[in-house]
Amino acid sequence: MLGAIVVNDSAAGPALNAGPFVTDVFVDPRAAGSGVGAGLIRASCARLRLAGWTSVSLVVTVGNLARALYERLGFEVRHEVLRVVSPD
């Protein structure tokens, strides 16, 4: 297996509209940069369009290199969230 994608029917939090939500995209490190991740996202979006969905959401951490891929595939930043983790 070179990769996998998990798409849920909605996001867990209220910051995103209800609808398909990409929870995870996994690519075997040996296949990184080969287009597997982009192919998984494109295929999933195409199937969702055929099912009548007009948008798909996801969350990406600031600094994650995958953000550039998501933007090339047409995803747009709609919300930014900052979180502070308190020390123990």
PDB file of N, CA and C in Angstrom:
ATOM      1  N   MET A   1       0.849  -1.171   0.000  1.00  0.00           N
ATOM      2  CA  MET A   1       0.000   0.000   0.000  1.00  0.00           C
ATOM      3  C   MET A   1       0.898   1.238   0.000  1.00  0.00           C
ATOM      4  N   LEU A   2       0.633   2.156  -0.896  1.00  0.00           N
ATOM      5  CA  LEU A   2       1.417   3.384  -0.978  1.00  0.00           C
ATOM      6  C   LEU A   2       0.812   4.515  -0.171  1.00  0.00           C
ATOM      7  N   GLY A   3      -0.493   4.467   0.073  1.00  0.00           N
ATOM      8  CA  GLY A   3      -1.129   5.539   0.816  1.00  0.00           C
ATOM      9  C   GLY A   3      -2.581   5.257   1.093  1.00  0.00           C
ATOM     10  N   ALA A   4      -3.160   6.115   1.903  1.00  0.00           N
ATOM     11  CA  ALA A   4      -4.574   5.994   2.252  1.00  0.00           C
ATOM     12  C   ALA A   4      -5.098   7.379   2.617  1.00  0.00           C
ATOM     13  N   ILE A   5      -6.402   7.543   2.496  1.00  0.00           N
ATOM     14  CA  ILE A   5      -7.043   8.793   2.891  1.00  0.00           C
ATOM     15  C   ILE A   5      -8.282   8.428   3.704  1.00  0.00           C
ATOM     16  N   VAL A   6      -8.559   9.238   4.726  1.00  0.00           N
ATOM     17  CA  VAL A   6      -9.752   9.060   5.554  1.00  0.00           C
ATOM     18  C   VAL A   6     -10.592  10.325   5.401  1.00  0.00           C
ATOM     19  N   VAL A   7     -11.832  10.143   4.951  1.00  0.00           N
ATOM     20  CA  VAL A   7     -12.758  11.263   4.796  1.00  0.00           C
ATOM     21  C   VAL A   7     -14.004  10.940   5.606  1.00  0.00           C
ATOM     22  N   ASN A   8     -14.328  11.819   6.542  1.00  0.00           N
ATOM     23  CA  ASN A   8     -15.534  11.653   7.353  1.00  0.00           C
ATOM     24  C   ASN A   8     -16.654  12.500   6.787  1.00  0.00           C
ATOM     25  N   ASP A   9     -17.867  12.222   7.256  1.00  0.00           N
ATOM     26  CA  ASP A   9     -19.005  12.976   6.722  1.00  0.00           C
ATOM     27  C   ASP A   9     -19.110  14.383   7.287  1.00  0.00           C
ATOM     28  N   SER A  10     -18.404  14.683   8.382  1.00  0.00           N
ATOM     29  CA  SER A  10     -18.395  16.054   8.896  1.00  0.00           C
ATOM     30  C   SER A  10     -17.232  16.245   9.856  1.00  0.00           C
ATOM     31  N   ALA A  11     -16.879  17.500  10.072  1.00  0.00           N
ATOM     32  CA  ALA A  11     -15.810  17.831  11.020  1.00  0.00           C
ATOM     33  C   ALA A  11     -16.336  17.713  12.434  1.00  0.00           C
ATOM     34  N   ALA A  12     -15.444  17.537  13.369  1.00  0.00           N
ATOM     35  CA  ALA A  12     -15.836  17.366  14.766  1.00  0.00           C
ATOM     36  C   ALA A  12     -16.172  18.691  15.443  1.00  0.00           C
ATOM     37  N   GLY A  13     -15.636  19.781  14.955  1.00  0.00           N
ATOM     38  CA  GLY A  13     -15.836  21.056  15.636  1.00  0.00           C
ATOM     39  C   GLY A  13     -16.705  22.016  14.856  1.00  0.00           C
ATOM     40  N   PRO A  14     -17.214  23.045  15.534  1.00  0.00           N
ATOM     41  CA  PRO A  14     -18.129  23.996  14.884  1.00  0.00           C
ATOM     42  C   PRO A  14     -17.437  25.008  13.973  1.00  0.00           C
ATOM     43  N   ALA A  15     -16.111  25.076  13.976  1.00  0.00           N
ATOM     44  CA  ALA A  15     -15.409  26.073  13.158  1.00  0.00           C
ATOM     45  C   ALA A  15     -15.551  25.795  11.675  1.00  0.00           C
ATOM     46  N   LEU A  16     -15.817  24.553  11.311  1.00  0.00           N
ATOM     47  CA  LEU A  16     -15.954  24.191   9.900  1.00  0.00           C
ATOM     48  C   LEU A  16     -17.402  23.847   9.593  1.00  0.00           C
ATOM     49  N   ASN A  17     -17.821  24.166   8.394  1.00  0.00           N
ATOM     50  CA  ASN A  17     -19.182  23.813   7.980  1.00  0.00           C
ATOM     51  C   ASN A  17     -19.336  22.305   7.927  1.00  0.00           C
ATOM     52  N   ALA A  18     -20.546  21.848   8.107  1.00  0.00           N
ATOM     53  CA  ALA A  18     -20.814  20.415   7.988  1.00  0.00           C
ATOM     54  C   ALA A  18     -20.533  19.981   6.559  1.00  0.00           C
ATOM     55  N   GLY A  19     -20.152  18.760   6.416  1.00  0.00           N
ATOM     56  CA  GLY A  19     -19.868  18.221   5.098  1.00  0.00           C
ATOM     57  C   GLY A  19     -18.616  17.386   5.131  1.00  0.00           C
ATOM     58  N   PRO A  20     -18.203  16.850   4.012  1.00  0.00           N
ATOM     59  CA  PRO A  20     -17.033  15.979   3.974  1.00  0.00           C
ATOM     60  C   PRO A  20     -15.798  16.657   4.557  1.00  0.00           C
ATOM     61  N   PHE A  21     -15.059  15.889   5.328  1.00  0.00           N
ATOM     62  CA  PHE A  21     -13.899  16.412   6.037  1.00  0.00           C
ATOM     63  C   PHE A  21     -12.757  15.413   5.934  1.00  0.00           C
ATOM     64  N   VAL A  22     -11.630  15.841   5.340  1.00  0.00           N
ATOM     65  CA  VAL A  22     -10.455  14.981   5.237  1.00  0.00           C
ATOM     66  C   VAL A  22      -9.810  14.927   6.613  1.00  0.00           C
ATOM     67  N   THR A  23      -9.846  13.755   7.234  1.00  0.00           N
ATOM     68  CA  THR A  23      -9.286  13.585   8.567  1.00  0.00           C
ATOM     69  C   THR A  23      -7.800  13.292   8.492  1.00  0.00           C
ATOM     70  N   ASP A  24      -7.390  12.428   7.582  1.00  0.00           N
ATOM     71  CA  ASP A  24      -5.983  12.045   7.467  1.00  0.00           C
ATOM     72  C   ASP A  24      -5.641  11.650   6.044  1.00  0.00           C
ATOM     73  N   VAL A  25      -4.413  11.958   5.663  1.00  0.00           N
ATOM     74  CA  VAL A  25      -3.837  11.469   4.408  1.00  0.00           C
ATOM     75  C   VAL A  25      -2.506  10.838   4.794  1.00  0.00           C
ATOM     76  N   PHE A  26      -2.341   9.581   4.443  1.00  0.00           N
ATOM     77  CA  PHE A  26      -1.116   8.852   4.752  1.00  0.00           C
ATOM     78  C   PHE A  26      -0.420   8.475   3.451  1.00  0.00           C
ATOM     79  N   VAL A  27       0.885   8.689   3.387  1.00  0.00           N
ATOM     80  CA  VAL A  27       1.677   8.264   2.236  1.00  0.00           C
ATOM     81  C   VAL A  27       2.915   7.557   2.766  1.00  0.00           C
ATOM     82  N   ASP A  28       3.194   6.387   2.220  1.00  0.00           N
ATOM     83  CA  ASP A  28       4.404   5.658   2.589  1.00  0.00           C
ATOM     84  C   ASP A  28       5.597   6.585   2.336  1.00  0.00           C
ATOM     85  N   PRO A  29       6.477   6.733   3.318  1.00  0.00           N
ATOM     86  CA  PRO A  29       7.622   7.631   3.137  1.00  0.00           C
ATOM     87  C   PRO A  29       8.438   7.342   1.880  1.00  0.00           C
ATOM     88  N   ARG A  30       8.460   6.091   1.443  1.00  0.00           N
ATOM     89  CA  ARG A  30       9.205   5.761   0.222  1.00  0.00           C
ATOM     90  C   ARG A  30       8.535   6.322  -1.018  1.00  0.00           C
ATOM     91  N   ALA A  31       7.248   6.698  -0.904  1.00  0.00           N
ATOM     92  CA  ALA A  31       6.509   7.244  -2.044  1.00  0.00           C
ATOM     93  C   ALA A  31       6.303   8.754  -1.922  1.00  0.00           C
ATOM     94  N   ALA A  32       6.888   9.364  -0.894  1.00  0.00           N
ATOM     95  CA  ALA A  32       6.717  10.805  -0.692  1.00  0.00           C
ATOM     96  C   ALA A  32       7.192  11.578  -1.913  1.00  0.00           C
ATOM     97  N   GLY A  33       6.406  12.558  -2.308  1.00  0.00           N
ATOM     98  CA  GLY A  33       6.765  13.396  -3.443  1.00  0.00           C
ATOM     99  C   GLY A  33       6.439  12.803  -4.799  1.00  0.00           C
ATOM    100  N   SER A  34       5.832  11.628  -4.815  1.00  0.00           N
ATOM    101  CA  SER A  34       5.532  10.962  -6.085  1.00  0.00           C
ATOM    102  C   SER A  34       4.134  11.266  -6.623  1.00  0.00           C
ATOM    103  N   GLY A  35       3.343  12.024  -5.866  1.00  0.00           N
ATOM    104  CA  GLY A  35       1.990  12.350  -6.317  1.00  0.00           C
ATOM    105  C   GLY A  35       0.910  11.466  -5.730  1.00  0.00           C
ATOM    106  N   VAL A  36       1.287  10.531  -4.868  1.00  0.00           N
ATOM    107  CA  VAL A  36       0.288   9.630  -4.271  1.00  0.00           C
ATOM    108  C   VAL A  36      -0.725  10.425  -3.455  1.00  0.00           C
ATOM    109  N   GLY A  37      -0.245  11.316  -2.581  1.00  0.00           N
ATOM    110  CA  GLY A  37      -1.158  12.105  -1.751  1.00  0.00           C
ATOM    111  C   GLY A  37      -2.089  12.957  -2.588  1.00  0.00           C
ATOM    112  N   ALA A  38      -1.556  13.636  -3.585  1.00  0.00           N
ATOM    113  CA  ALA A  38      -2.377  14.468  -4.470  1.00  0.00           C
ATOM    114  C   ALA A  38      -3.412  13.616  -5.192  1.00  0.00           C
ATOM    115  N   GLY A  39      -3.004  12.433  -5.639  1.00  0.00           N
ATOM    116  CA  GLY A  39      -3.931  11.543  -6.329  1.00  0.00           C
ATOM    117  C   GLY A  39      -5.063  11.084  -5.420  1.00  0.00           C
ATOM    118  N   LEU A  40      -4.737  10.780  -4.176  1.00  0.00           N
ATOM    119  CA  LEU A  40      -5.771  10.367  -3.221  1.00  0.00           C
ATOM    120  C   LEU A  40      -6.774  11.490  -2.978  1.00  0.00           C
ATOM    121  N   ILE A  41      -6.263  12.709  -2.828  1.00  0.00           N
ATOM    122  CA  ILE A  41      -7.153  13.846  -2.577  1.00  0.00           C
ATOM    123  C   ILE A  41      -8.008  14.137  -3.809  1.00  0.00           C
ATOM    124  N   ARG A  42      -7.387  14.146  -4.991  1.00  0.00           N
ATOM    125  CA  ARG A  42      -8.163  14.392  -6.227  1.00  0.00           C
ATOM    126  C   ARG A  42      -9.254  13.340  -6.421  1.00  0.00           C
ATOM    127  N   ALA A  43      -8.899  12.069  -6.231  1.00  0.00           N
ATOM    128  CA  ALA A  43      -9.882  10.997  -6.424  1.00  0.00           C
ATOM    129  C   ALA A  43     -11.020  11.111  -5.415  1.00  0.00           C
ATOM    130  N   SER A  44     -10.683  11.428  -4.174  1.00  0.00           N
ATOM    131  CA  SER A  44     -11.725  11.576  -3.152  1.00  0.00           C
ATOM    132  C   SER A  44     -12.647  12.740  -3.472  1.00  0.00           C
ATOM    133  N   CYS A  45     -12.072  13.868  -3.871  1.00  0.00           N
ATOM    134  CA  CYS A  45     -12.883  15.038  -4.219  1.00  0.00           C
ATOM    135  C   CYS A  45     -13.782  14.742  -5.419  1.00  0.00           C
ATOM    136  N   ALA A  46     -13.265  14.025  -6.393  1.00  0.00           N
ATOM    137  CA  ALA A  46     -14.070  13.668  -7.571  1.00  0.00           C
ATOM    138  C   ALA A  46     -15.249  12.784  -7.169  1.00  0.00           C
ATOM    139  N   ARG A  47     -14.998  11.816  -6.314  1.00  0.00           N
ATOM    140  CA  ARG A  47     -16.098  10.937  -5.853  1.00  0.00           C
ATOM    141  C   ARG A  47     -17.126  11.716  -5.051  1.00  0.00           C
ATOM    142  N   LEU A  48     -16.658  12.653  -4.238  1.00  0.00           N
ATOM    143  CA  LEU A  48     -17.591  13.469  -3.458  1.00  0.00           C
ATOM    144  C   LEU A  48     -18.432  14.370  -4.367  1.00  0.00           C
ATOM    145  N   ARG A  49     -17.815  14.922  -5.419  1.00  0.00           N
ATOM    146  CA  ARG A  49     -18.578  15.730  -6.386  1.00  0.00           C
ATOM    147  C   ARG A  49     -19.658  14.887  -7.047  1.00  0.00           C
ATOM    148  N   LEU A  50     -19.309  13.652  -7.421  1.00  0.00           N
ATOM    149  CA  LEU A  50     -20.308  12.767  -8.033  1.00  0.00           C
ATOM    150  C   LEU A  50     -21.457  12.468  -7.081  1.00  0.00           C
ATOM    151  N   ALA A  51     -21.167  12.496  -5.782  1.00  0.00           N
ATOM    152  CA  ALA A  51     -22.201  12.247  -4.777  1.00  0.00           C
ATOM    153  C   ALA A  51     -22.992  13.513  -4.447  1.00  0.00           C
ATOM    154  N   GLY A  52     -22.641  14.634  -5.098  1.00  0.00           N
ATOM    155  CA  GLY A  52     -23.403  15.863  -4.918  1.00  0.00           C
ATOM    156  C   GLY A  52     -22.813  16.886  -3.970  1.00  0.00           C
ATOM    157  N   TRP A  53     -21.645  16.612  -3.394  1.00  0.00           N
ATOM    158  CA  TRP A  53     -21.024  17.577  -2.490  1.00  0.00           C
ATOM    159  C   TRP A  53     -20.303  18.647  -3.297  1.00  0.00           C
ATOM    160  N   THR A  54     -20.364  19.881  -2.809  1.00  0.00           N
ATOM    161  CA  THR A  54     -19.721  20.987  -3.510  1.00  0.00           C
ATOM    162  C   THR A  54     -18.470  21.489  -2.807  1.00  0.00           C
ATOM    163  N   SER A  55     -18.207  20.993  -1.591  1.00  0.00           N
ATOM    164  CA  SER A  55     -16.994  21.413  -0.898  1.00  0.00           C
ATOM    165  C   SER A  55     -16.487  20.290   0.006  1.00  0.00           C
ATOM    166  N   VAL A  56     -15.207  20.375   0.307  1.00  0.00           N
ATOM    167  CA  VAL A  56     -14.532  19.429   1.194  1.00  0.00           C
ATOM    168  C   VAL A  56     -13.644  20.265   2.106  1.00  0.00           C
ATOM    169  N   SER A  57     -13.568  19.903   3.375  1.00  0.00           N
ATOM    170  CA  SER A  57     -12.749  20.650   4.329  1.00  0.00           C
ATOM    171  C   SER A  57     -11.618  19.785   4.866  1.00  0.00           C
ATOM    172  N   LEU A  58     -10.613  20.447   5.420  1.00  0.00           N
ATOM    173  CA  LEU A  58      -9.540  19.758   6.132  1.00  0.00           C
ATOM    174  C   LEU A  58      -8.873  20.756   7.058  1.00  0.00           C
ATOM    175  N   VAL A  59      -8.051  20.243   7.950  1.00  0.00           N
ATOM    176  CA  VAL A  59      -7.273  21.080   8.853  1.00  0.00           C
ATOM    177  C   VAL A  59      -5.810  20.736   8.646  1.00  0.00           C
ATOM    178  N   VAL A  60      -4.979  21.751   8.607  1.00  0.00           N
ATOM    179  CA  VAL A  60      -3.536  21.531   8.475  1.00  0.00           C
ATOM    180  C   VAL A  60      -2.822  22.412   9.493  1.00  0.00           C
ATOM    181  N   THR A  61      -1.820  21.855  10.127  1.00  0.00           N
ATOM    182  CA  THR A  61      -1.049  22.570  11.136  1.00  0.00           C
ATOM    183  C   THR A  61      -0.138  23.597  10.470  1.00  0.00           C
ATOM    184  N   VAL A  62      -0.014  24.753  11.095  1.00  0.00           N
ATOM    185  CA  VAL A  62       0.887  25.783  10.590  1.00  0.00           C
ATOM    186  C   VAL A  62       2.286  25.185  10.464  1.00  0.00           C
ATOM    187  N   GLY A  63       2.920  25.417   9.342  1.00  0.00           N
ATOM    188  CA  GLY A  63       4.259  24.897   9.115  1.00  0.00           C
ATOM    189  C   GLY A  63       4.294  23.530   8.452  1.00  0.00           C
ATOM    190  N   ASN A  64       3.141  22.877   8.330  1.00  0.00           N
ATOM    191  CA  ASN A  64       3.097  21.574   7.670  1.00  0.00           C
ATOM    192  C   ASN A  64       3.313  21.783   6.167  1.00  0.00           C
ATOM    193  N   LEU A  65       4.292  21.101   5.607  1.00  0.00           N
ATOM    194  CA  LEU A  65       4.615  21.259   4.182  1.00  0.00           C
ATOM    195  C   LEU A  65       3.463  20.851   3.266  1.00  0.00           C
ATOM    196  N   ALA A  66       2.531  20.043   3.772  1.00  0.00           N
ATOM    197  CA  ALA A  66       1.401  19.614   2.957  1.00  0.00           C
ATOM    198  C   ALA A  66       0.465  20.775   2.613  1.00  0.00           C
ATOM    199  N   ARG A  67       0.544  21.862   3.361  1.00  0.00           N
ATOM    200  CA  ARG A  67      -0.342  23.001   3.089  1.00  0.00           C
ATOM    201  C   ARG A  67      -0.182  23.494   1.649  1.00  0.00           C
ATOM    202  N   ALA A  68       1.038  23.541   1.147  1.00  0.00           N
ATOM    203  CA  ALA A  68       1.259  23.983  -0.233  1.00  0.00           C
ATOM    204  C   ALA A  68       0.554  23.058  -1.219  1.00  0.00           C
ATOM    205  N   LEU A  69       0.586  21.761  -0.953  1.00  0.00           N
ATOM    206  CA  LEU A  69      -0.123  20.802  -1.812  1.00  0.00           C
ATOM    207  C   LEU A  69      -1.617  21.076  -1.783  1.00  0.00           C
ATOM    208  N   TYR A  70      -2.165  21.234  -0.575  1.00  0.00           N
ATOM    209  CA  TYR A  70      -3.608  21.478  -0.465  1.00  0.00           C
ATOM    210  C   TYR A  70      -4.007  22.740  -1.223  1.00  0.00           C
ATOM    211  N   GLU A  71      -3.198  23.782  -1.126  1.00  0.00           N
ATOM    212  CA  GLU A  71      -3.522  25.012  -1.836  1.00  0.00           C
ATOM    213  C   GLU A  71      -3.418  24.824  -3.347  1.00  0.00           C
ATOM    214  N   ARG A  72      -2.433  24.062  -3.819  1.00  0.00           N
ATOM    215  CA  ARG A  72      -2.336  23.769  -5.267  1.00  0.00           C
ATOM    216  C   ARG A  72      -3.561  23.001  -5.749  1.00  0.00           C
ATOM    217  N   LEU A  73      -4.150  22.204  -4.862  1.00  0.00           N
ATOM    218  CA  LEU A  73      -5.326  21.416  -5.233  1.00  0.00           C
ATOM    219  C   LEU A  73      -6.627  22.203  -5.095  1.00  0.00           C
ATOM    220  N   GLY A  74      -6.534  23.477  -4.694  1.00  0.00           N
ATOM    221  CA  GLY A  74      -7.713  24.336  -4.642  1.00  0.00           C
ATOM    222  C   GLY A  74      -8.270  24.624  -3.260  1.00  0.00           C
ATOM    223  N   PHE A  75      -7.685  24.061  -2.212  1.00  0.00           N
ATOM    224  CA  PHE A  75      -8.150  24.368  -0.869  1.00  0.00           C
ATOM    225  C   PHE A  75      -7.738  25.793  -0.518  1.00  0.00           C
ATOM    226  N   GLU A  76      -8.597  26.483   0.228  1.00  0.00           N
ATOM    227  CA  GLU A  76      -8.351  27.866   0.643  1.00  0.00           C
ATOM    228  C   GLU A  76      -8.430  27.961   2.154  1.00  0.00           C
ATOM    229  N   VAL A  77      -7.629  28.861   2.729  1.00  0.00           N
ATOM    230  CA  VAL A  77      -7.700  29.095   4.170  1.00  0.00           C
ATOM    231  C   VAL A  77      -8.991  29.854   4.456  1.00  0.00           C
ATOM    232  N   ARG A  78      -9.814  29.302   5.329  1.00  0.00           N
ATOM    233  CA  ARG A  78     -11.065  29.947   5.727  1.00  0.00           C
ATOM    234  C   ARG A  78     -11.051  30.344   7.201  1.00  0.00           C
ATOM    235  N   HIS A  79     -10.322  29.588   8.017  1.00  0.00           N
ATOM    236  CA  HIS A  79     -10.244  29.858   9.447  1.00  0.00           C
ATOM    237  C   HIS A  79      -8.819  29.585   9.907  1.00  0.00           C
ATOM    238  N   GLU A  80      -8.366  30.375  10.850  1.00  0.00           N
ATOM    239  CA  GLU A  80      -7.102  30.084  11.517  1.00  0.00           C
ATOM    240  C   GLU A  80      -7.399  30.038  13.009  1.00  0.00           C
ATOM    241  N   VAL A  81      -6.849  29.050  13.658  1.00  0.00           N
ATOM    242  CA  VAL A  81      -7.102  28.866  15.079  1.00  0.00           C
ATOM    243  C   VAL A  81      -5.747  28.775  15.786  1.00  0.00           C
ATOM    244  N   LEU A  82      -5.635  29.477  16.886  1.00  0.00           N
ATOM    245  CA  LEU A  82      -4.438  29.393  17.715  1.00  0.00           C
ATOM    246  C   LEU A  82      -4.812  28.693  19.015  1.00  0.00           C
ATOM    247  N   ARG A  83      -3.917  27.863  19.509  1.00  0.00           N
ATOM    248  CA  ARG A  83      -4.175  27.155  20.747  1.00  0.00           C
ATOM    249  C   ARG A  83      -2.954  27.284  21.628  1.00  0.00           C
ATOM    250  N   VAL A  84      -3.177  27.561  22.878  1.00  0.00           N
ATOM    251  CA  VAL A  84      -2.096  27.630  23.853  1.00  0.00           C
ATOM    252  C   VAL A  84      -2.229  26.425  24.771  1.00  0.00           C
ATOM    253  N   VAL A  85      -1.141  25.695  24.907  1.00  0.00           N
ATOM    254  CA  VAL A  85      -1.142  24.548  25.799  1.00  0.00           C
ATOM    255  C   VAL A  85      -0.469  24.989  27.088  1.00  0.00           C
ATOM    256  N   SER A  86      -1.205  24.904  28.212  1.00  0.00           N
ATOM    257  CA  SER A  86      -0.614  25.316  29.480  1.00  0.00           C
ATOM    258  C   SER A  86       0.363  24.277  30.009  1.00  0.00           C
ATOM    259  N   PRO A  87       1.417  24.756  30.588  1.00  0.00           N
ATOM    260  CA  PRO A  87       2.388  23.813  31.163  1.00  0.00           C
ATOM    261  C   PRO A  87       1.760  23.093  32.358  1.00  0.00           C
ATOM    262  N   ASP A  88       2.267  21.925  32.652  1.00  0.00           N
ATOM    263  CA  ASP A  88       1.750  21.151  33.805  1.00  0.00           C
ATOM    264  C   ASP A  88       1.983  21.848  35.105  1.00  0.00           C
TER     265      ASP A  88
END
